[in-house]
Each structure stands twice: as C-alpha cells, then as structure tokens.
Protein backbone atom coordinates (compact mmCIF):
# COMPACT_ATOMS: atom_id res chain seq x y z
CA MET A 1 0.00 0.00 0.00
CA ALA A 2 3.01 2.32 0.19
CA ILE A 3 2.44 3.47 -3.39
CA PHE A 4 -0.60 5.43 -2.19
CA PHE A 5 1.53 7.52 0.19
CA ASN A 6 -0.99 8.86 2.68
CA TYR A 7 -3.81 6.55 1.57
CA ARG A 8 -4.74 3.20 3.11
CA LEU A 9 -7.69 0.83 3.10
CA SER A 10 -10.34 1.73 5.62
CA THR A 11 -10.89 -1.05 8.14
CA VAL A 12 -14.60 -0.12 8.13
CA ASP A 13 -15.47 -0.68 4.49
CA ASN A 14 -12.21 -1.42 2.62
CA GLN A 15 -12.30 1.84 0.67
CA LEU A 16 -9.13 3.84 0.22
CA ILE A 17 -9.05 6.65 2.75
CA SER A 18 -6.43 9.36 3.19
CA PHE A 19 -5.11 10.85 6.41
CA THR A 20 -6.75 14.13 5.41
CA GLU A 21 -10.12 12.42 5.00
CA GLU A 22 -9.72 10.79 8.41
CA ASN A 23 -8.93 14.19 9.90
CA TYR A 24 -12.06 15.73 8.38
CA LEU A 25 -14.24 12.95 9.79
CA LYS A 26 -12.66 13.41 13.21
CA ILE A 27 -13.17 17.18 13.10
CA ILE A 28 -16.80 16.82 12.00
CA TYR A 29 -17.42 14.47 14.93
CA LEU A 30 -15.79 16.83 17.44
CA LEU A 31 -17.59 19.90 16.10
CA THR A 32 -20.91 18.03 16.18
CA GLU A 33 -20.23 17.33 19.87
CA ARG A 34 -19.31 20.95 20.52
CA TYR A 35 -22.52 22.20 18.94
CA ASN A 36 -24.72 19.70 20.80
CA GLY A 37 -25.43 17.39 17.91
CA ASN A 38 -26.25 20.10 15.38
CA GLU A 39 -25.10 19.91 11.79
CA VAL A 40 -21.65 21.31 11.03
CA SER A 41 -21.41 24.06 8.42
CA THR A 42 -18.80 24.43 5.69
CA ASN A 43 -17.73 27.74 7.22
CA GLN A 44 -17.18 26.12 10.62
CA LEU A 45 -15.01 23.46 8.99
CA ALA A 46 -13.09 26.05 7.00
CA GLU A 47 -12.42 28.07 10.14
CA HIS A 48 -11.37 25.04 12.16
CA THR A 49 -9.09 23.61 9.44
CA GLN A 50 -7.87 27.05 8.28
CA THR A 51 -8.79 26.05 4.75
CA LYS A 52 -10.71 27.91 2.06
CA ALA A 53 -14.41 27.12 1.92
CA ALA A 54 -14.10 25.93 -1.70
CA SER A 55 -11.46 23.35 -0.69
CA VAL A 56 -13.65 22.20 2.20
CA SER A 57 -16.58 21.75 -0.20
CA ASP A 58 -14.41 19.62 -2.50
CA MET A 59 -13.43 17.37 0.40
CA LEU A 60 -17.03 17.07 1.58
CA ARG A 61 -18.12 15.93 -1.86
CA LYS A 62 -15.46 13.19 -1.78
CA LEU A 63 -16.56 12.06 1.67
CA ALA A 64 -20.21 12.05 0.59
CA GLU A 65 -19.36 9.91 -2.45
CA LYS A 66 -17.80 7.37 -0.09
CA ASN A 67 -20.91 7.48 2.11
CA TYR A 68 -19.00 8.82 5.12
CA ILE A 69 -21.12 11.96 5.49
CA ASN A 70 -24.56 13.32 4.69
CA TYR A 71 -23.94 16.47 2.69
CA ARG A 72 -25.88 18.86 0.53
CA LYS A 73 -24.34 22.08 -0.72
CA TYR A 74 -25.12 25.14 1.42
CA GLN A 75 -26.49 22.92 4.17
CA GLY A 76 -24.92 21.34 7.24
CA VAL A 77 -22.91 18.12 7.38
CA THR A 78 -23.50 15.04 9.53
CA LEU A 79 -21.59 11.76 9.73
CA THR A 80 -23.03 8.50 8.48
CA GLU A 81 -22.60 5.40 10.63
CA ALA A 82 -19.51 4.43 8.61
CA GLY A 83 -18.05 7.91 8.93
CA GLU A 84 -18.67 7.97 12.67
CA GLN A 85 -16.96 4.61 13.11
CA ILE A 86 -13.84 5.90 11.38
CA ALA A 87 -13.89 9.17 13.36
CA LEU A 88 -14.21 7.37 16.70
CA GLY A 89 -11.40 4.99 15.77
CA VAL A 90 -9.07 7.90 15.02
CA ILE A 91 -10.09 9.72 18.22
CA ARG A 92 -9.52 6.54 20.24
CA LYS A 93 -5.98 6.11 18.89
CA HIS A 94 -5.18 9.81 19.32
CA ARG A 95 -6.21 9.88 22.97
CA LEU A 96 -4.53 6.57 23.84
CA TRP A 97 -1.27 7.83 22.34
CA GLU A 98 -1.60 11.03 24.37
CA VAL A 99 -1.87 8.96 27.55
CA PHE A 100 1.21 6.96 26.50
CA LEU A 101 3.24 10.07 25.73
CA VAL A 102 2.48 11.66 29.10
CA GLU A 103 2.49 8.62 31.40
CA LYS A 104 5.26 6.54 29.82
CA LEU A 105 7.51 9.03 28.02
CA GLY A 106 7.18 12.02 30.33
CA PHE A 107 5.85 14.58 27.84
CA GLY A 108 3.90 17.54 29.16
CA TRP A 109 0.21 17.82 28.31
CA ASP A 110 1.09 20.87 26.20
CA GLU A 111 3.52 18.88 24.01
CA ILE A 112 1.52 15.87 22.89
CA HIS A 113 -1.23 16.96 20.50
CA ASP A 114 0.86 17.28 17.32
CA ILE A 115 2.70 14.01 17.98
CA ALA A 116 -0.58 12.16 18.57
CA GLU A 117 -1.91 13.69 15.33
CA GLN A 118 0.72 11.67 13.49
CA LEU A 119 0.40 8.47 15.52
CA GLU A 120 -3.41 8.35 15.23
CA HIS A 121 -3.18 7.26 11.59
CA ILE A 122 -1.31 4.01 12.32
CA ASP A 123 -3.69 1.31 11.10
CA SER A 124 -3.23 -1.67 13.38
CA LYS A 125 -6.06 -2.94 15.55
CA GLU A 126 -3.64 -5.23 17.37
CA LEU A 127 -1.30 -2.34 18.19
CA THR A 128 -4.20 -0.26 19.47
CA LYS A 129 -5.46 -3.17 21.60
CA ARG A 130 -2.01 -3.80 23.09
CA LEU A 131 -1.51 -0.09 23.73
CA ASP A 132 -4.86 0.08 25.52
CA ASP A 133 -4.03 -2.97 27.65
CA PHE A 134 -0.50 -1.69 28.38
CA LEU A 135 -1.99 1.56 29.68
CA GLU A 136 -4.52 -0.44 31.75
CA ASN A 137 -7.51 0.69 29.69
CA PRO A 138 -7.66 4.40 30.54
CA LYS A 139 -11.04 6.13 30.29
CA PHE A 140 -9.70 9.68 29.86
CA ASP A 141 -6.73 11.30 28.16
CA PRO A 142 -4.35 13.84 29.80
CA HIS A 143 -6.69 16.72 28.83
CA GLY A 144 -9.69 15.08 30.49
CA ASP A 145 -11.29 13.97 27.22
CA PRO A 146 -13.06 10.58 27.25
CA ILE A 147 -11.53 7.73 25.25
CA PRO A 148 -13.87 5.63 23.05
CA ASP A 149 -13.72 1.92 23.79
CA ALA A 150 -12.76 -0.79 21.31
CA LYS A 151 -16.36 -0.97 20.07
CA GLY A 152 -16.46 2.77 19.36
CA LYS A 153 -18.62 3.67 22.36
CA MET A 154 -17.78 7.10 23.77
CA PRO A 155 -18.07 7.40 27.57
CA SER A 156 -20.72 9.88 28.59
CA VAL A 157 -19.51 12.90 30.55
CA SER A 158 -21.39 15.91 31.85
CA TYR A 159 -19.21 18.83 32.86
CA LEU A 160 -19.84 22.52 33.40
CA LYS A 161 -17.68 25.44 32.37
CA LEU A 162 -16.07 27.27 35.28
CA SER A 163 -17.73 30.42 33.91
CA GLU A 164 -21.11 28.83 34.74
CA ILE A 165 -20.25 28.31 38.41
CA PRO A 166 -21.73 30.71 41.02
CA LEU A 167 -19.98 32.35 43.94
CA ASN A 168 -18.78 30.20 46.84
CA GLN A 169 -19.22 26.98 44.88
CA SER A 170 -16.43 24.39 45.06
CA VAL A 171 -15.61 22.31 41.97
CA VAL A 172 -13.06 19.80 40.69
CA MET A 173 -11.16 20.56 37.47
CA MET A 174 -11.98 17.73 35.05
CA GLY A 175 -10.80 18.90 31.63
CA VAL A 176 -10.13 21.66 29.15
CA SER A 177 -11.91 22.61 25.95
CA VAL A 178 -8.78 24.20 24.41
CA HIS A 179 -5.64 22.15 23.81
CA SER A 180 -3.30 24.85 22.51
CA PRO A 181 0.20 24.76 24.06
CA ALA A 182 -0.08 28.43 25.07
CA PHE A 183 -3.30 27.81 27.01
CA LEU A 184 -1.99 24.66 28.72
CA GLN A 185 1.31 26.36 29.61
CA HIS A 186 -0.68 29.24 31.13
CA LEU A 187 -2.58 26.76 33.30
CA ASP A 188 0.71 25.17 34.37
CA LYS A 189 1.97 28.56 35.52
CA GLN A 190 -1.23 28.99 37.53
CA GLN A 191 -0.79 25.45 38.94
CA ILE A 192 -4.22 24.51 37.58
CA THR A 193 -4.19 20.79 36.74
CA LEU A 194 -6.68 17.97 36.29
CA GLY A 195 -8.18 16.96 39.62
CA CYS A 196 -7.38 20.19 41.44
CA ASP A 197 -10.00 21.78 43.70
CA LEU A 198 -11.29 25.25 42.83
CA LYS A 199 -13.63 27.50 44.76
CA VAL A 200 -15.16 30.64 43.25
CA LEU A 201 -14.48 33.52 45.64
CA GLU A 202 -15.17 36.50 43.40
CA ILE A 203 -16.52 37.38 39.96
CA SER A 204 -15.45 40.81 38.73
CA ASP A 205 -18.25 43.11 37.57
CA PHE A 206 -15.79 44.84 35.25
CA ASP A 207 -14.38 42.01 33.14
CA LYS A 208 -16.03 38.89 34.58
CA SER A 209 -12.67 37.54 35.70
CA TYR A 210 -12.73 34.95 38.46
CA GLY A 211 -11.08 35.06 41.87
CA LEU A 212 -10.41 31.47 42.90
CA LEU A 213 -9.12 29.44 45.80
CA LEU A 214 -6.93 26.64 44.49
CA ASN A 215 -6.67 23.46 46.57
CA ASN A 216 -7.87 25.32 49.68
CA ASP A 217 -4.56 27.17 49.75
CA ILE A 218 -3.66 29.47 46.84
CA ARG A 219 -5.65 32.54 45.80
CA LEU A 220 -5.49 33.48 42.13
CA PHE A 221 -7.38 35.27 39.37
CA VAL A 222 -8.19 33.86 35.94
CA SER A 223 -9.71 35.68 32.98
CA ASN A 224 -13.22 34.99 31.77
CA GLU A 225 -11.73 33.33 28.68
CA VAL A 226 -9.81 30.89 30.86
CA ALA A 227 -12.93 30.26 32.97
CA ARG A 228 -14.93 29.48 29.80
CA ASN A 229 -12.41 26.82 28.80
CA LEU A 230 -12.05 25.00 32.10
CA LEU A 231 -14.40 22.02 32.45
CA VAL A 232 -15.40 21.28 36.02
CA GLN A 233 -17.64 19.11 38.16
CA VAL A 234 -19.42 20.35 41.27
CA GLN A 235 -18.06 18.75 44.42
CA ASN A 236 -20.46 16.66 46.44
CA SER A 237 -21.29 18.38 49.70
C-alpha cells in the first residue's frame, strides 16, 4: 500500500481513505459534539481547518461519495454510521497515544497533541489493543477527554464550564476545551491541573474575571476566557 503515500484501506469498508479524510471525519465528529449534535457548516469546517471554503466543499463531496457523510451544498454536514466509526477509531488512537506520551515518556500535556496527530493514523487494531491494555484501559486522556472503547462507544460525561459556576461553589477541574500549548502552559503557571480543587471567591463586575481558591490554599485570578475553557464538576457536599 506504500504506493498510495498517505492513503490506506479503511478497516470499516475497505475503501481507500487518506489521512486528510480521516482528519475531516474526526473534526466533524468533534464539532458536532461541541454544537450539541447540530449539523456542522462548511464555514465552521473552514475556520477550524484554516482552509478555504471551496477546498472544504471539495473534500465534503469526496466524503459524501464514499458514504462517510450526509452532505448537501449550502447545508450542514453530519456523519453517516460508517463515517462515525472511522472518526471514533481515530479519536480513540489519538487519545490513547496522548496517555502513553504523558504517562510513559514524560511529555507535558502541552507537548503531545501534534505528535498524537501523526500516531493516530497508524492502522493496526492489534497495536491499538495492546496499547490500551498496556496503559490499563484508561477512560480519559491527559486533557480530560473521554476515550472511546474498542467498540467505538464514547463514555458519557457531563461537565460545566467554570464560567457557569456561582460564587462560593467548590468544583473539581476535570478537563479543558482548548488544547493549545499556550493555554496549557498558562494553566501550568497557575498550577491549575486535572483533579485540582477550585472554589469561586469572586466574579469581577468589570471584566467577569474569576477570583479562585486553588486546593484550599492558593488565591489566584483567571480571565473569563480561561474560565470558559475549564471544564469542572461540582463537588459533592
């Protein structure tokens, strides 16, 4: 199969599929999640992939011809069952590799996304199974994102944004909705990590920034943008 360069046979339906096509399916799945199951627009895909809308439309036509998406020009896009299976498989591999990179190779959570983007296209079910077993079947990646199981079932999670939390409420930091190195490095400087305890002490009337108590010890302020991208769970009283 090397003659096809970045193409390989899909394990779902034995059609040739490129890494770029896999990436589009993955992005459509993630954007559908972000927008609560709504259809994804061409403009949203163009913005997310930093690609011209015309190029996005060309790719969507190819994916529709392979029956990976439901697509009509000027209307939203949804994944077919086949397309969703491929997307979940790529997401599963990506998140397992992120766990491996952090837990076994000592990478920081801000360093792993681009590496996992390359590793997620390795097409070996046996490798993925052994990786999962070696990591003791993790349910979440280092950013707090759930990992689909071997059957493509995504664990259900229900988190709130820190920006939705009222005064004097204590929460546990469960994940982030932005994976950029700059954002994650900023959190590291603030000592905000997965599993840390946060209590909302103050919400500024001026800029909606948040005054927090971290781990019942450290007082700090975070911007409203940071608060909107921290995923938390209310502590049981």
